[in-house]
Protein backbone atom coordinates (compact mmCIF):
# COMPACT_ATOMS: atom_id res chain seq x y z
CA MET A 1 93.30 -27.23 50.35
CA LYS A 2 91.67 -25.68 53.05
CA ALA A 3 87.91 -27.08 54.03
CA MET A 4 85.37 -24.58 54.29
CA PRO A 5 83.68 -24.16 57.88
CA TRP A 6 80.16 -25.11 56.79
CA ASN A 7 80.29 -25.70 52.83
CA TRP A 8 81.74 -29.53 53.69
CA THR A 9 80.51 -31.96 50.52
CA CYS A 10 79.64 -34.51 48.81
CA LEU A 11 81.62 -35.78 45.97
CA LEU A 12 78.93 -37.63 44.08
CA SER A 13 80.75 -39.89 41.46
CA HIS A 14 78.09 -41.65 39.39
CA LEU A 15 80.47 -43.09 36.49
CA LEU A 16 78.90 -44.52 33.48
CA MET A 17 80.39 -46.61 30.94
CA VAL A 18 78.34 -45.08 27.54
CA GLY A 19 80.66 -44.26 24.43
CA MET A 20 83.83 -45.70 23.40
CA GLY A 21 84.46 -42.63 21.49
CA SER A 22 88.51 -40.90 21.38
CA SER A 23 87.34 -37.32 21.23
CA THR A 24 89.04 -35.70 24.00
CA LEU A 25 86.66 -32.21 23.65
CA LEU A 26 85.50 -31.35 26.53
CA SER A 27 84.04 -28.63 28.44
CA ARG A 28 83.44 -26.60 31.63
CA GLN A 29 80.06 -24.25 31.55
CA PRO A 30 79.40 -21.63 33.50
CA PRO A 31 76.28 -20.86 34.91
CA PRO A 32 73.93 -18.14 33.96
CA LEU A 33 74.43 -14.41 35.43
CA SER A 34 70.53 -14.46 35.95
CA GLN A 35 70.84 -17.92 38.26
CA LYS A 36 72.15 -18.27 41.53
CA ARG A 37 74.02 -21.48 41.29
CA SER A 38 75.83 -23.71 44.26
CA PHE A 39 77.90 -25.63 40.99
CA VAL A 40 79.91 -25.31 38.56
CA THR A 41 80.04 -28.54 35.42
CA PHE A 42 82.13 -30.50 33.52
CA ARG A 43 80.76 -32.58 30.16
CA GLY A 44 82.72 -34.62 28.14
CA GLU A 45 81.74 -35.04 24.46
CA PRO A 46 79.03 -37.59 23.99
CA ALA A 47 80.94 -40.34 22.35
CA GLU A 48 83.55 -40.49 25.55
CA GLY A 49 82.76 -41.91 28.51
CA PHE A 50 83.51 -41.99 31.91
CA ASN A 51 84.24 -44.97 33.87
CA HIS A 52 85.89 -43.88 37.24
CA LEU A 53 86.97 -40.70 39.44
CA VAL A 54 89.18 -40.11 42.57
CA VAL A 55 89.56 -37.53 44.64
CA ASP A 56 93.14 -35.90 46.03
CA GLU A 57 92.46 -35.32 50.00
CA ARG A 58 94.70 -33.70 50.03
CA THR A 59 94.39 -30.76 47.29
CA GLY A 60 91.30 -31.13 45.91
CA HIS A 61 92.42 -32.48 42.83
CA ILE A 62 89.89 -34.20 40.68
CA TYR A 63 91.15 -37.71 38.59
CA LEU A 64 88.83 -39.30 35.95
CA GLY A 65 89.70 -42.44 33.97
CA ALA A 66 87.86 -42.12 30.81
CA VAL A 67 87.66 -44.02 27.25
CA ASN A 68 91.76 -43.81 26.33
CA ARG A 69 92.31 -40.82 28.77
CA ILE A 70 93.14 -39.88 32.08
CA TYR A 71 91.91 -36.32 33.45
CA LYS A 72 93.14 -34.19 36.31
CA LEU A 73 90.38 -31.19 36.88
CA SER A 74 90.53 -28.86 39.67
CA SER A 75 88.09 -28.45 42.73
CA ASP A 76 85.84 -26.36 40.54
CA LEU A 77 85.92 -28.88 37.48
CA LYS A 78 88.66 -26.90 35.16
CA VAL A 79 91.06 -29.32 33.49
CA LEU A 80 94.90 -29.20 34.20
CA VAL A 81 96.02 -32.04 32.35
CA THR A 82 95.25 -34.88 30.05
CA HIS A 83 96.86 -38.18 29.52
CA GLN A 84 96.07 -40.29 26.37
CA THR A 85 95.85 -44.33 26.50
CA GLY A 86 94.03 -45.21 23.86
CA PRO A 87 92.83 -46.45 21.50
CA ASP A 88 95.82 -48.94 20.00
CA GLU A 89 96.24 -52.03 17.77
CA ASP A 90 94.39 -55.44 20.10
CA ASN A 91 92.51 -58.62 20.13
CA PRO A 92 91.37 -59.85 24.00
CA LYS A 93 92.64 -63.44 22.02
CA CYS A 94 96.53 -62.03 22.80
CA TYR A 95 98.43 -64.16 25.75
CA PRO A 96 100.41 -62.48 26.36
CA PRO A 97 99.83 -59.15 25.12
CA ARG A 98 101.22 -58.31 21.29
CA ILE A 99 103.37 -55.56 22.85
CA VAL A 100 105.59 -58.99 24.58
CA GLN A 101 105.61 -61.15 21.63
CA THR A 102 104.14 -61.59 18.19
CA CYS A 103 100.25 -62.51 18.41
CA ASN A 104 98.60 -64.19 15.42
CA GLU A 105 95.04 -63.22 16.31
CA PRO A 106 93.53 -60.70 13.87
CA LEU A 107 94.65 -57.23 15.45
CA THR A 108 92.03 -54.01 15.30
CA THR A 109 92.26 -51.26 16.52
CA THR A 110 90.55 -50.69 19.92
CA ASN A 111 89.61 -48.78 22.86
CA ASN A 112 90.96 -48.54 26.48
CA VAL A 113 88.02 -48.53 28.85
CA ASN A 114 89.92 -47.48 32.13
CA LYS A 115 89.12 -50.33 34.54
CA MET A 116 90.98 -49.68 37.91
CA LEU A 117 92.30 -45.81 39.23
CA LEU A 118 93.90 -45.51 42.87
CA ILE A 119 95.60 -42.50 44.61
CA ASP A 120 99.35 -44.09 45.40
CA TYR A 121 99.74 -41.16 48.46
CA LYS A 122 102.93 -42.87 49.96
CA GLU A 123 104.54 -42.51 46.08
CA ASN A 124 103.17 -39.31 45.05
CA ARG A 125 101.54 -41.67 41.99
CA LEU A 126 97.96 -42.26 39.87
CA ILE A 127 97.93 -46.62 38.84
CA ALA A 128 95.73 -46.72 36.04
CA CYS A 129 94.72 -50.03 34.30
CA GLY A 130 92.76 -50.16 30.98
CA SER A 131 91.45 -53.19 29.00
CA LEU A 132 93.78 -52.96 26.55
CA TYR A 133 96.71 -56.33 26.66
CA GLN A 134 94.74 -58.23 29.13
CA GLY A 135 94.91 -55.02 31.77
CA ILE A 136 98.07 -53.88 32.13
CA CYS A 137 99.16 -50.51 34.07
CA LYS A 138 100.73 -47.21 34.05
CA LEU A 139 101.70 -45.62 37.32
CA LEU A 140 101.73 -41.31 36.85
CA ARG A 141 102.62 -38.63 38.09
CA LEU A 142 100.04 -36.82 40.42
CA GLU A 143 101.57 -33.54 39.32
CA ASP A 144 101.22 -33.78 35.34
CA LEU A 145 100.14 -37.56 34.78
CA PHE A 146 103.73 -38.10 33.47
CA LYS A 147 104.02 -41.52 32.45
CA LEU A 148 106.60 -42.82 35.34
CA GLY A 149 106.43 -46.62 34.25
CA GLU A 150 103.83 -48.88 32.72
CA PRO A 151 105.06 -52.89 33.97
CA PHE A 152 103.94 -55.43 30.85
CA HIS A 153 106.40 -58.24 30.42
CA LYS A 154 105.94 -59.89 33.18
CA LYS A 155 102.59 -61.97 33.48
CA GLU A 156 102.32 -60.88 37.29
CA HIS A 157 101.89 -57.15 35.66
CA TYR A 158 98.65 -58.30 33.44
CA LEU A 159 95.44 -57.79 35.97
CA SER A 160 92.29 -58.57 34.05
CA GLY A 161 91.51 -59.48 30.48
CA VAL A 162 87.66 -58.59 31.45
CA ASN A 163 87.05 -56.03 29.05
CA GLU A 164 84.28 -53.87 31.26
CA SER A 165 84.80 -51.57 33.14
CA GLY A 166 84.29 -52.06 36.85
CA SER A 167 85.42 -55.39 37.20
CA VAL A 168 88.64 -54.71 38.79
CA PHE A 169 88.70 -53.58 42.25
CA GLY A 170 91.97 -52.62 44.18
CA VAL A 171 93.24 -51.68 47.60
CA ILE A 172 96.04 -50.81 48.95
CA VAL A 173 97.48 -51.26 51.98
CA SER A 174 100.34 -48.64 53.19
CA TYR A 175 103.31 -49.54 55.41
CA SER A 176 105.49 -46.64 57.15
CA ASN A 177 109.09 -47.90 56.31
CA LEU A 178 108.27 -50.80 53.98
CA ASP A 179 106.70 -51.54 50.17
CA ASP A 180 102.73 -51.05 50.08
CA LYS A 181 100.88 -53.42 49.03
CA LEU A 182 98.00 -54.00 46.68
CA PHE A 183 95.11 -55.85 46.92
CA ILE A 184 93.37 -57.53 43.91
CA ALA A 185 89.90 -58.44 42.68
CA THR A 186 88.37 -59.55 39.57
CA ALA A 187 86.49 -60.93 37.70
CA VAL A 188 88.19 -63.80 35.81
CA ASP A 189 85.83 -63.96 32.49
CA GLY A 190 86.34 -67.78 31.79
CA LYS A 191 90.33 -67.52 32.43
CA PRO A 192 91.13 -68.33 35.85
CA GLU A 193 94.75 -69.99 34.79
CA TYR A 194 95.75 -66.41 33.44
CA PHE A 195 94.51 -64.42 35.61
CA PRO A 196 93.63 -64.97 39.82
CA THR A 197 90.48 -63.91 41.52
CA ILE A 198 91.92 -62.21 43.79
CA SER A 199 95.83 -61.49 44.92
CA SER A 200 98.26 -59.34 46.93
CA ARG A 201 100.91 -57.58 45.18
CA LYS A 202 104.05 -55.90 45.82
CA LEU A 203 103.72 -51.89 45.16
CA THR A 204 107.60 -51.30 44.78
CA LYS A 205 109.04 -47.42 45.28
CA ASN A 206 110.77 -47.42 42.11
CA SER A 207 107.86 -47.49 39.57
CA GLU A 208 110.36 -49.42 36.54
CA ALA A 209 111.36 -51.84 39.42
CA ASP A 210 111.24 -55.63 37.95
CA GLY A 211 108.88 -56.62 41.36
CA MET A 212 106.53 -53.90 40.74
CA PHE A 213 102.62 -55.68 40.64
CA ALA A 214 104.88 -58.96 41.72
CA TYR A 215 102.93 -61.43 44.47
CA VAL A 216 104.04 -60.59 47.65
CA PHE A 217 104.70 -64.22 48.14
CA HIS A 218 104.82 -67.11 45.63
CA ASP A 219 106.54 -70.74 45.13
CA GLU A 220 105.98 -73.49 44.28
CA PHE A 221 102.90 -74.28 46.46
CA VAL A 222 101.71 -71.10 48.04
CA ALA A 223 100.94 -67.72 46.58
CA SER A 224 99.37 -64.25 47.91
CA MET A 225 96.52 -65.45 45.77
CA ILE A 226 93.27 -67.11 44.44
CA LYS A 227 92.53 -68.88 41.85
CA ILE A 228 88.96 -70.57 40.26
CA PRO A 229 89.89 -74.14 39.86
CA SER A 230 89.20 -75.86 36.82
CA ASP A 231 86.34 -78.27 37.96
CA THR A 232 84.64 -75.20 39.11
CA PHE A 233 83.56 -74.92 35.53
CA THR A 234 81.59 -78.31 35.50
CA VAL A 235 79.46 -77.42 38.10
CA ILE A 236 78.79 -73.89 36.68
CA PRO A 237 80.60 -73.22 33.18
CA ASP A 238 79.84 -69.09 33.23
CA PHE A 239 80.77 -69.34 36.95
CA ASP A 240 82.72 -65.45 38.06
CA ILE A 241 83.08 -63.94 40.83
CA TYR A 242 82.12 -60.14 40.30
CA TYR A 243 83.40 -57.18 42.63
CA VAL A 244 81.27 -54.63 43.71
CA TYR A 245 82.62 -52.65 46.33
CA GLY A 246 86.47 -53.14 48.21
CA PHE A 247 87.93 -51.10 51.25
CA SER A 248 90.08 -52.01 53.83
CA SER A 249 89.53 -51.47 57.81
CA GLY A 250 91.83 -52.58 60.85
CA ASN A 251 93.73 -55.42 59.97
CA PHE A 252 91.65 -56.59 57.32
CA VAL A 253 91.08 -55.89 54.23
CA TYR A 254 87.54 -56.69 52.56
CA PHE A 255 85.92 -57.08 49.00
CA LEU A 256 82.19 -56.72 48.18
CA THR A 257 80.91 -59.11 45.22
CA LEU A 258 77.83 -61.17 43.74
CA GLN A 259 78.77 -65.06 42.79
CA PRO A 260 76.75 -67.22 40.60
CA GLU A 261 75.96 -70.83 43.21
CA MET A 262 73.55 -73.86 42.36
CA VAL A 263 70.59 -73.94 44.62
CA SER A 264 67.64 -76.06 45.23
CA PRO A 265 64.19 -75.07 45.67
CA PRO A 266 62.30 -75.47 47.72
CA GLY A 267 59.92 -79.17 47.80
CA SER A 268 62.41 -79.51 44.49
CA THR A 269 65.10 -82.42 43.62
CA THR A 270 66.19 -80.36 40.90
CA LYS A 271 69.07 -77.30 41.17
CA GLU A 272 68.63 -73.63 39.36
CA GLN A 273 71.40 -71.28 39.13
CA VAL A 274 71.19 -68.28 41.11
CA TYR A 275 73.16 -64.97 42.78
CA THR A 276 73.93 -64.75 46.45
CA SER A 277 76.14 -61.59 47.73
CA LYS A 278 79.09 -62.30 49.70
CA LEU A 279 81.57 -60.45 51.49
CA VAL A 280 84.86 -61.57 51.73
CA ARG A 281 87.41 -60.72 53.93
CA LEU A 282 91.36 -61.02 54.47
CA CYS A 283 93.91 -60.33 56.99
CA LYS A 284 96.56 -57.64 55.48
CA GLU A 285 99.49 -59.53 56.58
CA ASP A 286 98.33 -63.05 55.73
CA THR A 287 100.75 -63.61 52.83
CA ALA A 288 98.82 -67.47 52.36
CA PHE A 289 95.85 -66.30 51.67
CA ASN A 290 95.12 -68.88 54.66
CA SER A 291 92.38 -66.17 56.45
CA TYR A 292 90.29 -66.02 53.29
CA VAL A 293 86.63 -66.02 54.47
CA GLU A 294 83.08 -65.15 52.99
CA VAL A 295 79.65 -64.86 54.46
CA PRO A 296 76.49 -64.47 52.21
CA ILE A 297 74.99 -60.98 52.85
CA GLY A 298 71.12 -59.58 52.47
CA CYS A 299 68.39 -57.79 53.42
CA GLU A 300 64.53 -58.23 53.68
CA ARG A 301 61.89 -55.62 54.66
CA GLY A 302 57.79 -56.82 54.41
CA GLY A 303 58.83 -60.53 54.19
CA VAL A 304 60.46 -59.31 50.68
CA GLU A 305 64.25 -60.78 49.69
CA TYR A 306 66.66 -58.35 48.63
CA ARG A 307 69.51 -60.21 47.49
CA LEU A 308 71.45 -59.00 44.73
CA LEU A 309 73.36 -56.16 45.29
CA GLN A 310 73.75 -53.41 43.35
CA ALA A 311 76.41 -50.80 45.29
CA ALA A 312 77.87 -50.31 49.10
CA TYR A 313 80.03 -47.58 50.92
CA LEU A 314 82.40 -47.64 54.00
CA SER A 315 81.41 -44.91 56.92
CA LYS A 316 81.33 -44.16 59.88
CA ALA A 317 78.35 -44.56 62.01
CA GLY A 318 78.09 -40.60 63.47
CA ALA A 319 76.78 -39.56 66.49
CA VAL A 320 73.20 -40.07 65.90
CA LEU A 321 73.04 -42.93 64.07
CA ALA A 322 75.01 -44.72 66.44
CA GLN A 323 72.53 -43.83 69.08
CA THR A 324 69.71 -45.49 67.44
CA LEU A 325 71.59 -48.60 66.04
CA GLY A 326 73.43 -48.63 69.50
CA VAL A 327 76.95 -48.65 68.40
CA HIS A 328 79.93 -46.09 68.97
CA SER A 329 79.90 -43.20 66.46
CA GLU A 330 83.66 -43.81 65.42
CA ASP A 331 82.20 -47.76 64.57
CA ASP A 332 82.14 -48.95 60.62
CA LEU A 333 79.15 -49.01 58.75
CA LEU A 334 78.03 -50.61 55.38
CA PHE A 335 75.82 -48.94 53.68
CA THR A 336 74.25 -50.96 51.08
CA VAL A 337 71.29 -50.99 48.14
CA PHE A 338 70.44 -54.48 47.22
CA SER A 339 67.78 -55.23 44.46
CA LYS A 340 65.01 -58.44 44.95
CA GLY A 341 65.72 -61.16 44.15
CA GLN A 342 68.51 -63.49 43.18
CA LYS A 343 67.89 -65.26 39.80
CA ARG A 344 68.23 -61.94 37.65
CA LYS A 345 71.96 -60.43 37.31
CA MET A 346 72.26 -58.26 34.38
CA LYS A 347 68.51 -57.58 34.87
CA SER A 348 67.85 -56.98 37.98
CA LEU A 349 64.53 -56.23 38.95
CA ASP A 350 63.45 -52.27 39.95
CA GLU A 351 62.18 -53.41 43.31
CA SER A 352 65.58 -52.04 45.87
CA ALA A 353 66.56 -51.51 49.01
CA LEU A 354 68.85 -49.65 51.30
CA CYS A 355 70.57 -51.69 54.17
CA ILE A 356 72.92 -50.81 56.49
CA PHE A 357 75.08 -53.52 58.61
CA ILE A 358 77.97 -53.70 61.23
CA LEU A 359 80.85 -54.61 60.07
CA LYS A 360 81.61 -55.22 63.81
CA GLN A 361 78.73 -57.99 63.64
CA ILE A 362 80.09 -59.47 60.63
CA ASN A 363 83.51 -59.67 61.84
CA ASP A 364 81.29 -60.92 65.23
CA ARG A 365 79.52 -63.68 62.74
CA ILE A 366 82.92 -65.16 60.90
CA LYS A 367 85.32 -65.16 64.56
CA GLU A 368 81.66 -67.56 65.77
CA ARG A 369 81.93 -70.05 62.38
CA LEU A 370 86.28 -69.92 62.96
CA GLN A 371 85.12 -70.87 66.29
CA SER A 372 83.17 -73.41 65.33
CA CYS A 373 84.92 -75.22 61.99
CA TYR A 374 88.65 -75.29 64.61
CA ARG A 375 86.34 -77.21 67.20
CA GLY A 376 86.11 -79.55 64.06
CA GLU A 377 82.12 -78.75 62.77
CA GLY A 378 80.59 -78.36 59.91
CA THR A 379 82.74 -78.45 56.77
CA LEU A 380 84.24 -75.72 54.82
CA ASP A 381 81.60 -74.46 52.78
CA LEU A 382 83.43 -73.06 50.18
CA ALA A 383 81.16 -74.97 46.83
CA TRP A 384 83.61 -72.89 44.63
CA LEU A 385 86.82 -73.81 45.85
CA LYS A 386 86.00 -77.01 47.59
CA VAL A 387 83.90 -78.52 45.34
CA LYS A 388 83.75 -81.68 47.79
CA ASP A 389 82.58 -81.24 51.14
CA ILE A 390 85.69 -81.23 53.71
CA PRO A 391 85.45 -81.40 56.88
CA CYS A 392 86.66 -79.04 59.55
CA SER A 393 89.55 -79.67 62.04
CA SER A 394 89.49 -79.80 65.25
CA ALA A 395 92.37 -77.82 67.04
CA LEU A 396 92.84 -76.60 70.23
CA LEU A 397 93.64 -72.37 70.09
CA THR A 398 92.80 -69.38 71.18
CA ILE A 399 90.59 -67.44 68.08
CA ASP A 400 89.97 -63.88 68.88
CA ASP A 401 88.95 -60.65 67.02
CA ASN A 402 92.61 -60.40 64.65
CA PHE A 403 92.95 -64.70 63.82
CA CYS A 404 94.28 -64.70 60.39
CA GLY A 405 94.20 -68.60 59.64
CA LEU A 406 96.29 -71.27 59.47
CA ASP A 407 97.29 -73.67 56.70
CA MET A 408 94.13 -75.88 58.03
CA ASN A 409 90.27 -75.35 57.91
CA ALA A 410 91.02 -72.80 54.81
CA PRO A 411 89.69 -70.98 52.77
CA LEU A 412 86.36 -70.67 54.91
CA GLY A 413 82.42 -69.98 53.99
CA VAL A 414 80.09 -68.88 55.95
CA SER A 415 76.60 -71.02 55.52
CA GLU A 416 74.09 -68.61 57.27
CA MET A 417 73.42 -65.79 55.93
CA VAL A 418 73.89 -62.14 57.46
CA ARG A 419 71.36 -59.72 57.20
CA GLY A 420 71.12 -55.97 57.32
CA ILE A 421 69.41 -53.46 58.63
CA PRO A 422 66.80 -52.12 56.28
CA VAL A 423 65.76 -48.47 55.90
CA PHE A 424 63.94 -47.74 52.79
CA THR A 425 63.00 -49.67 50.03
CA GLU A 426 61.94 -48.19 46.33
CA ASP A 427 59.58 -49.95 43.75
CA ARG A 428 59.87 -48.51 40.88
CA ASP A 429 62.79 -46.69 40.14
CA ARG A 430 65.46 -48.94 41.51
CA MET A 431 68.66 -47.37 43.26
CA THR A 432 71.50 -48.51 42.08
CA SER A 433 74.44 -46.44 43.83
CA VAL A 434 75.39 -45.06 47.51
CA ILE A 435 76.98 -42.66 49.47
CA ALA A 436 77.40 -41.69 53.09
CA TYR A 437 79.23 -39.73 55.67
CA VAL A 438 79.64 -38.23 58.40
CA TYR A 439 78.62 -33.97 58.82
CA LYS A 440 78.40 -32.71 62.38
CA ASN A 441 77.44 -35.65 63.85
CA HIS A 442 74.70 -36.77 61.26
CA SER A 443 75.31 -39.87 58.82
CA LEU A 444 73.93 -38.42 55.68
CA ALA A 445 73.32 -40.94 52.92
CA PHE A 446 73.44 -40.01 48.81
CA VAL A 447 71.72 -42.93 46.30
CA GLY A 448 71.70 -42.52 42.74
CA THR A 449 68.25 -44.88 40.53
CA LYS A 450 68.20 -46.41 37.49
CA SER A 451 65.99 -43.20 36.12
CA GLY A 452 69.14 -41.27 36.98
CA LYS A 453 67.55 -39.93 40.51
CA LEU A 454 69.62 -38.93 43.16
CA LYS A 455 68.16 -38.92 46.90
CA LYS A 456 69.37 -38.11 50.11
CA GLY A 457 69.02 -38.82 53.40
CA LEU A 458 69.87 -37.93 57.46
CA SER A 459 70.67 -40.09 60.15
CA LEU A 460 67.52 -40.19 61.73
CA ASP A 461 64.96 -41.65 60.30
CA PHE A 462 66.55 -42.08 55.94
CA SER A 463 63.58 -40.47 54.50
CA LEU A 464 64.90 -40.18 51.22
CA GLU A 465 64.30 -36.80 49.71
CA PRO A 466 63.85 -37.22 45.55
CA SER A 467 65.40 -35.13 42.93
CA ARG A 468 64.91 -33.92 39.65
CA GLU A 469 65.33 -36.55 36.64
CA GLU A 470 68.81 -36.36 34.75
CA ARG A 471 69.54 -39.26 31.94
CA GLY A 472 71.71 -42.40 32.37
CA GLU A 473 71.64 -45.08 35.28
CA ARG A 474 73.56 -44.16 37.73
CA ARG A 475 75.98 -46.69 38.99
CA GLU A 476 78.78 -47.14 41.72
CA HIS A 477 81.71 -45.38 42.71
CA VAL A 478 80.42 -42.66 44.56
CA LYS A 479 83.40 -40.99 46.42
CA VAL A 480 83.21 -37.74 49.81
CA SER A 481 85.37 -34.53 49.65
CA LYS A 482 85.74 -31.98 52.07
CA GLY A 483 86.97 -29.32 49.47
CA GLY A 484 85.09 -30.01 46.98
CA SER A 485 81.89 -32.10 44.91
CA SER A 486 80.98 -33.32 41.93
CA MET A 487 78.78 -35.49 40.65
CA ASP A 488 78.98 -37.52 37.67
CA VAL A 489 76.62 -39.04 34.82
CA PRO A 490 77.94 -39.95 31.57
CA THR A 491 79.56 -37.03 30.59
CA GLU A 492 79.32 -34.60 32.90
CA THR A 493 80.18 -33.61 35.94
CA CYS A 494 78.50 -31.54 38.59
CA SER A 495 79.91 -29.87 41.88
CA VAL A 496 77.60 -29.50 44.26
CA LEU A 497 77.14 -28.15 48.36
CA VAL A 498 75.65 -30.24 50.73
CA ASN A 499 74.20 -27.67 52.17
CA LYS A 500 72.68 -26.48 48.96
CA CYS A 501 70.87 -29.12 48.11
CA PRO A 502 68.38 -30.83 49.95
CA VAL A 503 66.89 -31.33 46.84
CA VAL A 504 69.74 -31.89 44.48
CA LEU A 505 68.37 -30.60 40.27
CA ARG A 506 69.89 -32.28 37.52
CA CYS A 507 73.28 -30.93 36.23
CA LYS A 508 71.20 -28.53 33.75
CA SER A 509 69.27 -26.74 35.27
CA CYS A 510 70.13 -27.22 39.39
């Protein structure tokens, strides 16, 4: 779909998990004739929640991952086709799932919550993974959502046993003459023996191939994965890694996470559990995961620490903001939202901050840490993976920007936190989602809040303009599209033109 010269549009998809119903009725509501509206609305039944949304950059078609269904919409939000994914008889304790072997656990009718939705452009298919059967995935043809494959007979086909939407993130690495890779990151929900927390898988050309989702490399000693050791649970019984965002840039794949850890407060000899936000980086071509590095990230303004990551989005700097930050216009920036403190993951405080990270600065900090470790300085500093402190080993080698690790000094943690640049804080209505993109050399940032407000800021001062209120908490999964724009709230999707929304109204009244 050809993009309009001025009406480049933003796709604001704040997707919520609400009711677990199986209704298929959705309506597209035309605006009253008396109102001139710059967008249309697509609504679902209250019992049906939308979980994920992706936009085909080539056609503008929108794909919605919902409870028990996948939807394909046109760029103006007309329903083109649907594909049913559930419910079905299941029990989360069945491993392998009952479709592989008989399960002795009682089976009940179970909804299939969409946990991951990705477009595989190279093979023109949609990867839709759900909560049924330990997280198996369907590969659907983009054109009509016809099922091309549904691998389920190997343990590699079960990607995640966590029944929460947003618990799985995937990043596709594409090649011109080889099969693509899929990096998968997931919480394991106390089942590390079944699921690696992060892994790289094969995306075969044939959707029914036996090797679909197989580990890129696997032998008796090394594999393209990292599992949480059982010893970790003796220190932190409810340990897990919660993935908030994932992306690729240059030669690396990145995931942003929340992780619990035990720390001693100042002046105390006892330890308490807090949550630390960390960026995880891996080389795309690293089959043994020797390049795994994680670095803590956070933000501070006016003496207040913002450490609980809520959402993130990767964008370019743009000429105006680049000049302000002293970077190039094509440099990658991470727009992030943090809430105050470190102690509450599920019930975060309302105080929150919008912060910017320059990705190159994070990579420079990682390079410095690698260089110091290979000089034999410090320890690996990765408490959850290496319960004991393991000293760094000295080795004479050159570590440049694209160093991908060796079978020593790996995996590696960075102890010193990288601080973002705070651009806006909110004390009463916690920010919970963010999107950013460049338009006419300006970086546009949109932020969703706990109460449902939508705020927009420009690159010069990031003075955010509040919208009217829309019910329902905003969360992650925000997208950008050239051809069409839609904002997803619990059961409806709105299409908004950026140049028409200096202040975005709620879907029902804009």
